[in-house]
């Protein structure tokens, strides 16, 4: 069983970008026995559940990214304080393939092979991009782009 920790932290702006994070006020090595990245589950302000990682991103301590989507859902801005309940996430990170993606992958094994090398987050972003299409035409266009990008060894946001 992983230890739950609770803390309040200010959402810090990352450089000049519209990106934020909070500093993790505990010693990751002491808590989790590792120096590097730690997969975590967090409950933010008692409302938003987030699966991500604690990481050192050129920072003096580990940080937890607070995405624009999370800030919007919380009604919080950069500089606001949030309440975080966090624990190590030991559950496997699996991305469930929709039928149409699985069918496409059976015809394009090279694309599937590259997809399987991607991180959980990159695989998840691709699938959310496909399943969030509101119109069938958009979904079909995205399915074509998915295969094209993967065959060329590209992540979703790579140009």
N, C-alpha and C. Protein backbone atom coordinates (compact mmCIF):
# COMPACT_ATOMS: atom_id res chain seq x y z
N UNK A 1 0.86 -1.20 0.00
CA UNK A 1 0.00 0.00 0.00
C UNK A 1 0.89 1.24 0.00
N UNK A 2 0.60 2.13 -0.87
CA UNK A 2 1.40 3.34 -0.99
C UNK A 2 0.92 4.39 0.00
N UNK A 3 1.87 5.17 0.51
CA UNK A 3 1.53 6.23 1.47
C UNK A 3 0.86 7.39 0.76
N UNK A 4 -0.25 7.86 1.35
CA UNK A 4 -0.89 9.07 0.83
C UNK A 4 -0.28 10.27 1.54
N UNK A 5 -0.01 11.31 0.77
CA UNK A 5 0.48 12.56 1.36
C UNK A 5 -0.46 13.67 0.94
N UNK A 6 -0.57 14.66 1.79
CA UNK A 6 -1.47 15.78 1.55
C UNK A 6 -0.67 17.07 1.69
N UNK A 7 -0.92 18.00 0.78
CA UNK A 7 -0.24 19.29 0.87
C UNK A 7 -1.01 20.35 0.09
N UNK A 8 -0.77 21.59 0.44
CA UNK A 8 -1.29 22.74 -0.30
C UNK A 8 -0.11 23.36 -1.03
N UNK A 9 -0.33 23.79 -2.25
CA UNK A 9 0.76 24.37 -3.03
C UNK A 9 0.23 25.40 -4.01
N UNK A 10 1.08 26.34 -4.34
CA UNK A 10 0.75 27.39 -5.31
C UNK A 10 1.10 26.87 -6.71
N UNK A 11 0.19 27.10 -7.68
CA UNK A 11 0.46 26.71 -9.07
C UNK A 11 1.46 27.72 -9.64
N UNK A 12 2.65 27.21 -9.94
CA UNK A 12 3.74 28.04 -10.45
C UNK A 12 3.71 28.03 -11.97
N UNK A 13 3.92 29.17 -12.59
CA UNK A 13 3.99 29.25 -14.05
C UNK A 13 5.32 28.70 -14.52
N UNK A 14 5.28 27.85 -15.54
CA UNK A 14 6.50 27.28 -16.11
C UNK A 14 7.04 28.23 -17.17
N UNK A 15 8.13 28.92 -16.84
CA UNK A 15 8.73 29.87 -17.78
C UNK A 15 7.72 30.91 -18.20
N UNK A 16 7.62 31.15 -19.51
CA UNK A 16 6.65 32.14 -20.01
C UNK A 16 5.44 31.44 -20.64
N UNK A 17 5.38 30.11 -20.50
CA UNK A 17 4.30 29.34 -21.12
C UNK A 17 3.04 29.37 -20.26
N UNK A 18 1.91 29.02 -20.90
CA UNK A 18 0.66 28.87 -20.16
C UNK A 18 0.62 27.44 -19.61
N UNK A 19 1.63 27.13 -18.80
CA UNK A 19 1.76 25.79 -18.22
C UNK A 19 2.10 25.97 -16.75
N UNK A 20 1.56 25.10 -15.93
CA UNK A 20 1.79 25.24 -14.50
C UNK A 20 2.16 23.94 -13.83
N UNK A 21 2.71 24.08 -12.64
CA UNK A 21 3.07 22.92 -11.84
C UNK A 21 3.06 23.32 -10.37
N UNK A 22 3.07 22.32 -9.50
CA UNK A 22 3.26 22.58 -8.07
C UNK A 22 4.51 21.83 -7.63
N UNK A 23 5.19 22.41 -6.66
CA UNK A 23 6.38 21.76 -6.11
C UNK A 23 5.92 20.73 -5.09
N UNK A 24 6.53 19.54 -5.16
CA UNK A 24 6.21 18.45 -4.23
C UNK A 24 7.06 18.65 -2.98
N UNK A 25 6.42 18.88 -1.81
CA UNK A 25 7.18 19.28 -0.63
C UNK A 25 7.79 18.14 0.19
N UNK A 26 7.82 16.93 -0.37
CA UNK A 26 8.37 15.79 0.36
C UNK A 26 9.58 15.23 -0.38
N UNK A 27 10.35 14.41 0.32
CA UNK A 27 11.51 13.75 -0.27
C UNK A 27 11.04 12.47 -0.96
N UNK A 28 11.13 12.46 -2.29
CA UNK A 28 10.64 11.33 -3.09
C UNK A 28 11.41 10.05 -2.75
N UNK A 29 12.72 10.18 -2.56
CA UNK A 29 13.51 8.98 -2.25
C UNK A 29 13.12 8.39 -0.90
N UNK A 30 12.88 9.26 0.07
CA UNK A 30 12.47 8.80 1.40
C UNK A 30 11.09 8.14 1.34
N UNK A 31 10.17 8.75 0.61
CA UNK A 31 8.79 8.23 0.53
C UNK A 31 8.67 6.98 -0.33
N UNK A 32 9.27 7.02 -1.53
CA UNK A 32 9.02 5.97 -2.52
C UNK A 32 10.25 5.15 -2.88
N UNK A 33 11.41 5.50 -2.33
CA UNK A 33 12.61 4.71 -2.57
C UNK A 33 13.22 4.90 -3.95
N UNK A 34 12.89 6.00 -4.63
CA UNK A 34 13.46 6.27 -5.95
C UNK A 34 13.92 7.73 -6.02
N UNK A 35 14.89 7.98 -6.92
CA UNK A 35 15.37 9.35 -7.11
C UNK A 35 14.67 10.01 -8.29
N UNK A 36 14.28 9.21 -9.28
CA UNK A 36 13.74 9.74 -10.53
C UNK A 36 12.24 9.94 -10.51
N UNK A 37 11.66 9.74 -11.68
CA UNK A 37 10.24 9.95 -11.89
C UNK A 37 9.41 8.94 -11.10
N UNK A 38 8.27 9.39 -10.57
CA UNK A 38 7.37 8.52 -9.81
C UNK A 38 5.96 8.68 -10.38
N UNK A 39 5.35 7.57 -10.80
CA UNK A 39 3.96 7.59 -11.27
C UNK A 39 3.07 7.81 -10.05
N UNK A 40 2.10 8.73 -10.20
CA UNK A 40 1.23 9.07 -9.06
C UNK A 40 -0.23 9.23 -9.49
N UNK A 41 -1.09 9.13 -8.47
CA UNK A 41 -2.51 9.48 -8.59
C UNK A 41 -2.71 10.63 -7.63
N UNK A 42 -3.41 11.65 -8.08
CA UNK A 42 -3.66 12.80 -7.21
C UNK A 42 -5.12 13.18 -7.26
N UNK A 43 -5.63 13.64 -6.13
CA UNK A 43 -6.96 14.22 -6.06
C UNK A 43 -6.73 15.69 -5.71
N UNK A 44 -7.16 16.57 -6.61
CA UNK A 44 -6.88 17.99 -6.47
C UNK A 44 -8.15 18.74 -6.06
N UNK A 45 -8.04 19.48 -4.97
CA UNK A 45 -9.17 20.24 -4.40
C UNK A 45 -10.40 19.37 -4.17
N UNK A 46 -10.19 18.08 -3.97
CA UNK A 46 -11.30 17.17 -3.71
C UNK A 46 -12.22 16.96 -4.91
N UNK A 47 -11.81 17.47 -6.11
CA UNK A 47 -12.70 17.43 -7.28
C UNK A 47 -12.13 16.68 -8.47
N UNK A 48 -10.85 16.91 -8.76
CA UNK A 48 -10.27 16.42 -10.01
C UNK A 48 -9.24 15.34 -9.72
N UNK A 49 -9.43 14.17 -10.33
CA UNK A 49 -8.48 13.08 -10.20
C UNK A 49 -7.51 13.16 -11.38
N UNK A 50 -6.23 12.97 -11.09
CA UNK A 50 -5.21 13.09 -12.13
C UNK A 50 -4.19 11.97 -11.96
N UNK A 51 -3.90 11.28 -13.06
CA UNK A 51 -2.82 10.29 -13.07
C UNK A 51 -1.68 10.89 -13.86
N UNK A 52 -0.53 10.99 -13.24
CA UNK A 52 0.63 11.57 -13.90
C UNK A 52 1.89 11.13 -13.21
N UNK A 53 2.89 11.99 -13.22
CA UNK A 53 4.18 11.67 -12.62
C UNK A 53 4.73 12.85 -11.86
N UNK A 54 5.47 12.52 -10.81
CA UNK A 54 6.31 13.51 -10.15
C UNK A 54 7.65 13.42 -10.86
N UNK A 55 8.22 14.54 -11.23
CA UNK A 55 9.49 14.51 -11.94
C UNK A 55 10.29 15.75 -11.60
N UNK A 56 11.61 15.62 -11.77
CA UNK A 56 12.48 16.79 -11.67
C UNK A 56 12.66 17.29 -13.09
N UNK A 57 12.19 18.48 -13.36
CA UNK A 57 12.26 19.04 -14.72
C UNK A 57 13.20 20.24 -14.69
N UNK A 58 14.46 19.98 -14.36
CA UNK A 58 15.41 21.06 -14.22
C UNK A 58 15.11 21.89 -12.98
N UNK A 59 14.31 21.32 -12.08
CA UNK A 59 13.91 22.01 -10.86
C UNK A 59 14.68 21.42 -9.68
N UNK A 60 14.72 22.14 -8.57
CA UNK A 60 15.46 21.65 -7.40
C UNK A 60 14.71 20.53 -6.68
N UNK A 61 13.40 20.47 -6.87
CA UNK A 61 12.61 19.40 -6.24
C UNK A 61 11.72 18.76 -7.30
N UNK A 62 11.06 17.66 -6.93
CA UNK A 62 10.10 17.04 -7.84
C UNK A 62 8.88 17.95 -7.97
N UNK A 63 8.28 17.93 -9.16
CA UNK A 63 7.09 18.75 -9.40
C UNK A 63 5.98 17.89 -9.99
N UNK A 64 4.76 18.39 -9.86
CA UNK A 64 3.58 17.75 -10.44
C UNK A 64 2.96 18.76 -11.40
N UNK A 65 2.89 18.39 -12.67
CA UNK A 65 2.30 19.27 -13.67
C UNK A 65 0.81 19.46 -13.41
N UNK A 66 0.35 20.69 -13.56
CA UNK A 66 -1.08 21.00 -13.41
C UNK A 66 -1.52 21.56 -14.77
N UNK A 67 -2.16 20.72 -15.57
CA UNK A 67 -2.50 21.08 -16.94
C UNK A 67 -3.53 22.19 -17.01
N UNK A 68 -3.62 22.82 -18.19
CA UNK A 68 -4.63 23.84 -18.42
C UNK A 68 -6.03 23.26 -18.19
N UNK A 69 -6.24 22.02 -18.64
CA UNK A 69 -7.56 21.37 -18.48
C UNK A 69 -7.90 21.22 -17.00
N UNK A 70 -6.94 20.83 -16.19
CA UNK A 70 -7.18 20.68 -14.75
C UNK A 70 -7.49 22.05 -14.14
N UNK A 71 -6.69 23.06 -14.50
CA UNK A 71 -6.93 24.41 -13.94
C UNK A 71 -8.33 24.89 -14.31
N UNK A 72 -8.73 24.65 -15.55
CA UNK A 72 -10.06 25.09 -16.00
C UNK A 72 -11.15 24.38 -15.19
N UNK A 73 -11.00 23.06 -15.02
CA UNK A 73 -11.99 22.28 -14.28
C UNK A 73 -12.09 22.74 -12.82
N UNK A 74 -10.95 23.16 -12.26
CA UNK A 74 -10.92 23.63 -10.87
C UNK A 74 -11.34 25.09 -10.74
N UNK A 75 -11.32 25.82 -11.87
CA UNK A 75 -11.57 27.26 -11.82
C UNK A 75 -10.39 27.99 -11.17
N UNK A 76 -9.19 27.47 -11.40
CA UNK A 76 -7.98 28.05 -10.80
C UNK A 76 -7.06 28.59 -11.88
N UNK A 77 -6.24 29.56 -11.48
CA UNK A 77 -5.28 30.20 -12.39
C UNK A 77 -3.87 29.96 -11.87
N UNK A 78 -2.89 30.29 -12.70
CA UNK A 78 -1.50 30.29 -12.25
C UNK A 78 -1.42 31.23 -11.05
N UNK A 79 -0.71 30.82 -10.00
CA UNK A 79 -0.60 31.66 -8.80
C UNK A 79 -1.61 31.31 -7.71
N UNK A 80 -2.66 30.55 -8.06
CA UNK A 80 -3.65 30.13 -7.06
C UNK A 80 -3.12 28.92 -6.28
N UNK A 81 -3.68 28.72 -5.10
CA UNK A 81 -3.29 27.59 -4.26
C UNK A 81 -4.28 26.44 -4.45
N UNK A 82 -3.74 25.23 -4.51
CA UNK A 82 -4.59 24.03 -4.60
C UNK A 82 -4.25 23.07 -3.46
N UNK A 83 -5.20 22.20 -3.14
CA UNK A 83 -5.02 21.16 -2.12
C UNK A 83 -4.85 19.83 -2.85
N UNK A 84 -3.77 19.12 -2.54
CA UNK A 84 -3.45 17.88 -3.25
C UNK A 84 -3.36 16.72 -2.27
N UNK A 85 -4.07 15.63 -2.61
CA UNK A 85 -3.91 14.35 -1.91
C UNK A 85 -3.30 13.42 -2.95
N UNK A 86 -2.10 12.91 -2.65
CA UNK A 86 -1.34 12.20 -3.66
C UNK A 86 -0.81 10.88 -3.13
N UNK A 87 -0.78 9.87 -4.01
CA UNK A 87 -0.14 8.60 -3.66
C UNK A 87 0.51 8.01 -4.90
N UNK A 88 1.45 7.11 -4.66
CA UNK A 88 2.11 6.45 -5.78
C UNK A 88 1.08 5.61 -6.53
N UNK A 89 1.16 5.63 -7.84
CA UNK A 89 0.23 4.89 -8.70
C UNK A 89 0.92 3.62 -9.16
N UNK A 90 0.54 2.52 -8.56
CA UNK A 90 1.17 1.24 -8.88
C UNK A 90 0.37 0.43 -9.89
N UNK A 91 -0.81 0.94 -10.28
CA UNK A 91 -1.65 0.23 -11.25
C UNK A 91 -1.01 0.31 -12.63
N UNK A 92 -1.15 -0.75 -13.42
CA UNK A 92 -0.60 -0.69 -14.78
C UNK A 92 -1.28 0.40 -15.59
N UNK A 93 -0.54 1.03 -16.46
CA UNK A 93 -1.08 2.10 -17.30
C UNK A 93 -1.41 1.49 -18.66
N UNK A 94 -2.67 1.21 -18.85
CA UNK A 94 -3.10 0.58 -20.10
C UNK A 94 -4.00 1.53 -20.88
N UNK A 95 -3.85 1.49 -22.17
CA UNK A 95 -4.70 2.26 -23.07
C UNK A 95 -5.55 1.23 -23.82
N UNK A 96 -6.85 1.34 -23.70
CA UNK A 96 -7.77 0.43 -24.38
C UNK A 96 -7.98 0.94 -25.81
N UNK A 97 -7.70 0.08 -26.79
CA UNK A 97 -7.85 0.47 -28.19
C UNK A 97 -9.30 0.33 -28.64
N UNK A 98 -9.89 1.39 -29.21
CA UNK A 98 -11.22 1.26 -29.80
C UNK A 98 -11.15 0.25 -30.97
N UNK A 99 -12.27 -0.39 -31.26
CA UNK A 99 -12.31 -1.42 -32.32
C UNK A 99 -11.73 -0.94 -33.64
N UNK A 100 -12.11 0.30 -34.05
CA UNK A 100 -11.64 0.77 -35.36
C UNK A 100 -10.13 0.96 -35.39
N UNK A 101 -9.53 1.31 -34.25
CA UNK A 101 -8.07 1.46 -34.18
C UNK A 101 -7.41 0.09 -34.22
N UNK A 102 -7.95 -0.85 -33.45
CA UNK A 102 -7.41 -2.22 -33.45
C UNK A 102 -7.48 -2.82 -34.85
N UNK A 103 -8.59 -2.59 -35.56
CA UNK A 103 -8.75 -3.11 -36.92
C UNK A 103 -7.71 -2.49 -37.86
N UNK A 104 -7.50 -1.18 -37.74
CA UNK A 104 -6.48 -0.50 -38.55
C UNK A 104 -5.09 -1.05 -38.27
N UNK A 105 -4.78 -1.26 -36.99
CA UNK A 105 -3.47 -1.77 -36.61
C UNK A 105 -3.22 -3.16 -37.17
N UNK A 106 -4.29 -3.97 -37.31
CA UNK A 106 -4.09 -5.31 -37.87
C UNK A 106 -3.67 -5.23 -39.34
N UNK A 107 -4.06 -4.15 -40.02
CA UNK A 107 -3.67 -3.94 -41.43
C UNK A 107 -2.33 -3.22 -41.54
N UNK A 108 -1.90 -2.57 -40.46
CA UNK A 108 -0.67 -1.76 -40.48
C UNK A 108 0.21 -2.13 -39.28
N UNK A 109 0.82 -3.32 -39.31
CA UNK A 109 1.60 -3.77 -38.15
C UNK A 109 2.77 -2.85 -37.80
N UNK A 110 3.33 -2.17 -38.79
CA UNK A 110 4.44 -1.24 -38.52
C UNK A 110 3.99 -0.07 -37.66
N UNK A 111 2.79 0.45 -37.97
CA UNK A 111 2.23 1.56 -37.19
C UNK A 111 1.96 1.09 -35.76
N UNK A 112 1.42 -0.11 -35.62
CA UNK A 112 1.13 -0.67 -34.29
C UNK A 112 2.43 -0.87 -33.51
N UNK A 113 3.46 -1.35 -34.18
CA UNK A 113 4.75 -1.58 -33.51
C UNK A 113 5.30 -0.27 -32.95
N UNK A 114 5.21 0.83 -33.73
CA UNK A 114 5.69 2.12 -33.22
C UNK A 114 4.80 2.61 -32.07
N UNK A 115 3.48 2.47 -32.24
CA UNK A 115 2.53 2.87 -31.20
C UNK A 115 2.89 2.21 -29.87
N UNK A 116 3.24 0.93 -29.92
CA UNK A 116 3.56 0.17 -28.71
C UNK A 116 4.84 0.66 -28.02
N UNK A 117 5.70 1.37 -28.75
CA UNK A 117 6.93 1.90 -28.14
C UNK A 117 6.68 3.24 -27.43
N UNK A 118 5.52 3.87 -27.70
CA UNK A 118 5.22 5.18 -27.13
C UNK A 118 4.92 5.07 -25.63
N UNK A 119 5.11 6.16 -24.93
CA UNK A 119 4.78 6.20 -23.50
C UNK A 119 3.26 6.08 -23.33
N UNK A 120 2.85 5.75 -22.13
CA UNK A 120 1.43 5.66 -21.81
C UNK A 120 0.72 6.97 -22.20
N UNK A 121 1.32 8.09 -21.85
CA UNK A 121 0.70 9.40 -22.12
C UNK A 121 0.55 9.63 -23.63
N UNK A 122 1.58 9.32 -24.41
CA UNK A 122 1.50 9.52 -25.86
C UNK A 122 0.45 8.60 -26.49
N UNK A 123 0.37 7.34 -26.02
CA UNK A 123 -0.65 6.41 -26.54
C UNK A 123 -2.04 6.93 -26.18
N UNK A 124 -2.20 7.38 -24.93
CA UNK A 124 -3.50 7.89 -24.45
C UNK A 124 -3.92 9.11 -25.27
N UNK A 125 -2.98 10.04 -25.54
CA UNK A 125 -3.31 11.24 -26.32
C UNK A 125 -3.83 10.88 -27.70
N UNK A 126 -3.18 9.91 -28.35
CA UNK A 126 -3.65 9.47 -29.67
C UNK A 126 -5.08 8.95 -29.60
N UNK A 127 -5.37 8.10 -28.62
CA UNK A 127 -6.70 7.49 -28.53
C UNK A 127 -7.76 8.52 -28.17
N UNK A 128 -7.45 9.44 -27.27
CA UNK A 128 -8.40 10.51 -26.92
C UNK A 128 -8.68 11.37 -28.16
N UNK A 129 -7.65 11.65 -28.94
CA UNK A 129 -7.79 12.44 -30.17
C UNK A 129 -8.78 11.75 -31.13
N UNK A 130 -8.66 10.44 -31.26
CA UNK A 130 -9.57 9.68 -32.14
C UNK A 130 -10.99 9.68 -31.57
N UNK A 131 -11.12 9.31 -30.30
CA UNK A 131 -12.45 9.12 -29.72
C UNK A 131 -13.18 10.42 -29.41
N UNK A 132 -12.45 11.55 -29.41
CA UNK A 132 -13.11 12.83 -29.11
C UNK A 132 -13.70 13.49 -30.36
N UNK A 133 -13.48 12.89 -31.53
CA UNK A 133 -14.04 13.46 -32.76
C UNK A 133 -15.57 13.43 -32.66
N UNK A 134 -16.20 14.56 -32.93
CA UNK A 134 -17.66 14.63 -32.81
C UNK A 134 -18.35 14.10 -34.07
N UNK A 135 -17.73 14.33 -35.22
CA UNK A 135 -18.34 13.88 -36.49
C UNK A 135 -17.58 12.66 -37.01
N UNK A 136 -18.33 11.76 -37.64
CA UNK A 136 -17.74 10.54 -38.20
C UNK A 136 -16.65 10.89 -39.22
N UNK A 137 -16.90 11.93 -40.01
CA UNK A 137 -15.93 12.35 -41.03
C UNK A 137 -14.60 12.77 -40.37
N UNK A 138 -14.69 13.48 -39.27
CA UNK A 138 -13.50 13.91 -38.53
C UNK A 138 -12.76 12.68 -38.00
N UNK A 139 -13.52 11.73 -37.44
CA UNK A 139 -12.90 10.52 -36.90
C UNK A 139 -12.16 9.76 -38.00
N UNK A 140 -12.78 9.62 -39.17
CA UNK A 140 -12.15 8.90 -40.28
C UNK A 140 -10.87 9.61 -40.73
N UNK A 141 -10.92 10.95 -40.81
CA UNK A 141 -9.72 11.72 -41.17
C UNK A 141 -8.61 11.47 -40.15
N UNK A 142 -8.97 11.49 -38.87
CA UNK A 142 -7.98 11.29 -37.82
C UNK A 142 -7.41 9.88 -37.85
N UNK A 143 -8.24 8.90 -38.16
CA UNK A 143 -7.73 7.52 -38.24
C UNK A 143 -6.68 7.40 -39.34
N UNK A 144 -6.92 8.08 -40.46
CA UNK A 144 -5.93 8.09 -41.54
C UNK A 144 -4.65 8.77 -41.12
N UNK A 145 -4.78 9.91 -40.43
CA UNK A 145 -3.60 10.64 -39.94
C UNK A 145 -2.85 9.84 -38.89
N UNK A 146 -3.59 9.11 -38.05
CA UNK A 146 -2.97 8.27 -37.03
C UNK A 146 -1.98 7.30 -37.67
N UNK A 147 -2.44 6.58 -38.68
CA UNK A 147 -1.59 5.59 -39.34
C UNK A 147 -0.40 6.27 -40.03
N UNK A 148 -0.67 7.38 -40.70
CA UNK A 148 0.40 8.12 -41.39
C UNK A 148 1.47 8.58 -40.40
N UNK A 149 1.04 9.19 -39.29
CA UNK A 149 1.99 9.68 -38.29
C UNK A 149 2.80 8.52 -37.69
N UNK A 150 2.11 7.45 -37.32
CA UNK A 150 2.80 6.33 -36.69
C UNK A 150 3.78 5.65 -37.65
N UNK A 151 3.39 5.51 -38.92
CA UNK A 151 4.30 4.91 -39.91
C UNK A 151 5.56 5.75 -40.07
N UNK A 152 5.43 7.08 -39.86
CA UNK A 152 6.57 7.98 -39.95
C UNK A 152 7.28 8.18 -38.60
N UNK A 153 6.91 7.36 -37.60
CA UNK A 153 7.57 7.43 -36.31
C UNK A 153 7.32 8.71 -35.56
N UNK A 154 6.10 9.24 -35.65
CA UNK A 154 5.79 10.53 -35.01
C UNK A 154 4.77 10.37 -33.89
N UNK A 155 4.98 11.17 -32.86
CA UNK A 155 3.98 11.30 -31.80
C UNK A 155 2.88 12.22 -32.30
N UNK A 156 1.76 12.26 -31.61
CA UNK A 156 0.61 13.05 -32.03
C UNK A 156 0.98 14.51 -32.28
N UNK A 157 1.73 15.11 -31.37
CA UNK A 157 2.02 16.55 -31.47
C UNK A 157 3.30 16.88 -32.24
N UNK A 158 3.98 15.85 -32.77
CA UNK A 158 5.16 16.11 -33.62
C UNK A 158 4.70 16.70 -34.93
N UNK A 159 5.47 17.65 -35.44
CA UNK A 159 5.12 18.27 -36.73
C UNK A 159 5.56 17.36 -37.87
